[in-house]
C-alpha atoms as a PDB file:
ATOM      1  CA  UNK A   1       2.277  78.973 137.592  1.00  0.00           C
ATOM      2  CA  UNK A   2       0.060  76.805 139.487  1.00  0.00           C
ATOM      3  CA  UNK A   3      -2.498  74.659 137.475  1.00  0.00           C
ATOM      4  CA  UNK A   4      -5.274  72.286 138.547  1.00  0.00           C
ATOM      5  CA  UNK A   5      -4.935  69.339 136.563  1.00  0.00           C
ATOM      6  CA  UNK A   6      -6.563  65.890 136.454  1.00  0.00           C
ATOM      7  CA  UNK A   7      -4.788  62.622 136.328  1.00  0.00           C
ATOM      8  CA  UNK A   8      -5.186  62.568 132.479  1.00  0.00           C
ATOM      9  CA  UNK A   9      -3.939  66.142 132.241  1.00  0.00           C
ATOM     10  CA  UNK A  10      -0.899  65.272 134.203  1.00  0.00           C
ATOM     11  CA  UNK A  11      -0.174  62.245 132.120  1.00  0.00           C
ATOM     12  CA  UNK A  12      -0.880  64.304 129.107  1.00  0.00           C
ATOM     13  CA  UNK A  13       1.619  67.007 130.073  1.00  0.00           C
ATOM     14  CA  UNK A  14       4.225  64.370 130.473  1.00  0.00           C
ATOM     15  CA  UNK A  15       3.594  63.142 127.143  1.00  0.00           C
ATOM     16  CA  UNK A  16       4.241  66.418 125.240  1.00  0.00           C
ATOM     17  CA  UNK A  17       7.318  67.706 127.289  1.00  0.00           C
ATOM     18  CA  UNK A  18      10.360  68.191 125.116  1.00  0.00           C
ATOM     19  CA  UNK A  19      13.143  65.558 125.334  1.00  0.00           C
ATOM     20  CA  UNK A  20      15.919  67.912 124.909  1.00  0.00           C
ATOM     21  CA  UNK A  21      16.914  71.651 125.745  1.00  0.00           C
ATOM     22  CA  UNK A  22      19.645  73.499 127.691  1.00  0.00           C
ATOM     23  CA  UNK A  23      20.839  72.264 131.038  1.00  0.00           C
ATOM     24  CA  UNK A  24      18.425  74.377 132.895  1.00  0.00           C
ATOM     25  CA  UNK A  25      15.429  73.433 130.695  1.00  0.00           C
ATOM     26  CA  UNK A  26      16.171  69.982 131.334  1.00  0.00           C
ATOM     27  CA  UNK A  27      16.428  70.343 135.191  1.00  0.00           C
ATOM     28  CA  UNK A  28      12.941  72.151 135.118  1.00  0.00           C
ATOM     29  CA  UNK A  29      11.686  69.381 132.911  1.00  0.00           C
ATOM     30  CA  UNK A  30      12.757  66.705 135.384  1.00  0.00           C
ATOM     31  CA  UNK A  31      11.001  68.602 138.111  1.00  0.00           C
ATOM     32  CA  UNK A  32       7.947  68.873 136.312  1.00  0.00           C
ATOM     33  CA  UNK A  33       7.916  65.356 135.249  1.00  0.00           C
ATOM     34  CA  UNK A  34       8.263  64.135 138.682  1.00  0.00           C
ATOM     35  CA  UNK A  35       5.625  66.554 139.899  1.00  0.00           C
ATOM     36  CA  UNK A  36       3.116  65.293 137.207  1.00  0.00           C
ATOM     37  CA  UNK A  37       3.816  61.426 137.771  1.00  0.00           C
ATOM     38  CA  UNK A  38       1.197  59.826 139.817  1.00  0.00           C
ATOM     39  CA  UNK A  39       2.018  58.176 142.955  1.00  0.00           C
ATOM     40  CA  UNK A  40       0.505  54.771 143.834  1.00  0.00           C
ATOM     41  CA  UNK A  41      -1.893  56.340 146.096  1.00  0.00           C
ATOM     42  CA  UNK A  42      -3.265  58.729 143.425  1.00  0.00           C
ATOM     43  CA  UNK A  43      -3.399  55.892 140.881  1.00  0.00           C
ATOM     44  CA  UNK A  44      -5.609  54.042 143.301  1.00  0.00           C
ATOM     45  CA  UNK A  45      -7.488  57.296 144.411  1.00  0.00           C
ATOM     46  CA  UNK A  46      -8.421  57.896 140.583  1.00  0.00           C
ATOM     47  CA  UNK A  47      -9.061  54.216 139.723  1.00  0.00           C
ATOM     48  CA  UNK A  48      -6.341  53.761 137.286  1.00  0.00           C
ATOM     49  CA  UNK A  49      -6.772  50.458 135.204  1.00  0.00           C
ATOM     50  CA  UNK A  50      -4.619  48.880 132.854  1.00  0.00           C
ATOM     51  CA  UNK A  51      -6.262  46.688 130.463  1.00  0.00           C
ATOM     52  CA  UNK A  52      -5.123  43.584 129.011  1.00  0.00           C
ATOM     53  CA  UNK A  53      -4.422  45.473 125.834  1.00  0.00           C
ATOM     54  CA  UNK A  54      -1.905  47.786 127.666  1.00  0.00           C
ATOM     55  CA  UNK A  55      -4.302  50.714 127.356  1.00  0.00           C
ATOM     56  CA  UNK A  56      -5.170  52.808 130.510  1.00  0.00           C
ATOM     57  CA  UNK A  57      -8.601  53.605 132.062  1.00  0.00           C
ATOM     58  CA  UNK A  58      -9.130  56.283 134.598  1.00  0.00           C
ATOM     59  CA  UNK A  59     -12.365  56.070 136.398  1.00  0.00           C
ATOM     60  CA  UNK A  60     -12.134  59.389 138.100  1.00  0.00           C
ATOM     61  CA  UNK A  61     -10.967  62.127 135.749  1.00  0.00           C
ATOM     62  CA  UNK A  62     -12.672  64.809 137.915  1.00  0.00           C
ATOM     63  CA  UNK A  63     -10.362  65.054 140.810  1.00  0.00           C
ATOM     64  CA  UNK A  64      -7.686  67.660 140.251  1.00  0.00           C
ATOM     65  CA  UNK A  65      -4.125  68.027 141.840  1.00  0.00           C
ATOM     66  CA  UNK A  66      -2.335  71.259 142.067  1.00  0.00           C
ATOM     67  CA  UNK A  67       0.880  71.378 140.069  1.00  0.00           C
ATOM     68  CA  UNK A  68       3.317  74.058 139.866  1.00  0.00           C
ATOM     69  CA  UNK A  69       4.597  74.585 136.390  1.00  0.00           C
ATOM     70  CA  UNK A  70       7.897  76.924 135.785  1.00  0.00           C
ATOM     71  CA  UNK A  71       6.909  79.979 133.566  1.00  0.00           C
ATOM     72  CA  UNK A  72       9.441  78.836 131.006  1.00  0.00           C
ATOM     73  CA  UNK A  73       8.097  75.329 130.842  1.00  0.00           C
ATOM     74  CA  UNK A  74       4.616  76.596 130.776  1.00  0.00           C
ATOM     75  CA  UNK A  75       5.415  78.628 127.574  1.00  0.00           C
ATOM     76  CA  UNK A  76       6.987  75.713 125.956  1.00  0.00           C
ATOM     77  CA  UNK A  77       3.821  73.444 126.742  1.00  0.00           C
ATOM     78  CA  UNK A  78       1.585  76.208 125.393  1.00  0.00           C
ATOM     79  CA  UNK A  79       3.320  76.613 122.257  1.00  0.00           C
ATOM     80  CA  UNK A  80       3.536  72.618 121.887  1.00  0.00           C
ATOM     81  CA  UNK A  81      -0.377  72.603 122.504  1.00  0.00           C
ATOM     82  CA  UNK A  82      -0.751  75.293 119.900  1.00  0.00           C
ATOM     83  CA  UNK A  83       1.301  73.305 117.312  1.00  0.00           C
ATOM     84  CA  UNK A  84      -0.658  69.918 118.024  1.00  0.00           C
ATOM     85  CA  UNK A  85      -3.795  71.731 117.387  1.00  0.00           C
ATOM     86  CA  UNK A  86      -2.596  73.537 114.280  1.00  0.00           C
ATOM     87  CA  UNK A  87      -1.364  70.255 112.839  1.00  0.00           C
ATOM     88  CA  UNK A  88      -4.447  68.351 113.958  1.00  0.00           C
ATOM     89  CA  UNK A  89      -2.597  66.196 116.125  1.00  0.00           C
ATOM     90  CA  UNK A  90      -4.219  66.698 119.545  1.00  0.00           C
ATOM     91  CA  UNK A  91      -4.856  63.591 121.271  1.00  0.00           C
ATOM     92  CA  UNK A  92      -7.669  62.614 123.848  1.00  0.00           C
ATOM     93  CA  UNK A  93      -5.048  62.617 126.785  1.00  0.00           C
ATOM     94  CA  UNK A  94      -3.962  66.312 125.856  1.00  0.00           C
ATOM     95  CA  UNK A  95      -7.467  67.883 124.884  1.00  0.00           C
ATOM     96  CA  UNK A  96      -8.188  68.889 128.394  1.00  0.00           C
ATOM     97  CA  UNK A  97      -4.809  70.213 128.857  1.00  0.00           C
ATOM     98  CA  UNK A  98      -5.485  72.171 125.812  1.00  0.00           C
ATOM     99  CA  UNK A  99      -8.979  73.545 127.092  1.00  0.00           C
ATOM    100  CA  UNK A 100      -7.209  74.643 130.415  1.00  0.00           C
ATOM    101  CA  UNK A 101      -4.104  76.050 128.998  1.00  0.00           C
ATOM    102  CA  UNK A 102      -5.081  77.666 125.717  1.00  0.00           C
ATOM    103  CA  UNK A 103      -8.890  78.365 126.073  1.00  0.00           C
ATOM    104  CA  UNK A 104      -9.401  79.116 129.379  1.00  0.00           C
ATOM    105  CA  UNK A 105      -6.196  81.237 130.124  1.00  0.00           C
END
């Protein structure tokens, strides 16, 4: 499934991906993590700034990038987002992802 994700969405996606699974799932997760990681050029293009306190600012969170998410991983992400909402654990970096995957799908 192809998704249009902002830099923050991509980082949020990485943050909620599972750490374990079967071999095929882990291979798919590796591919998705690589696709979601921001290149140096993309970091410059969206204006990522690391503050002295270690937190990150993104000056352009409107630009989107097309990311191909395997269906099995998409289903896992969707369930994780539902669980985060149900337990009131959504964070700022996953709010936009929730909107795109749960509310707009």
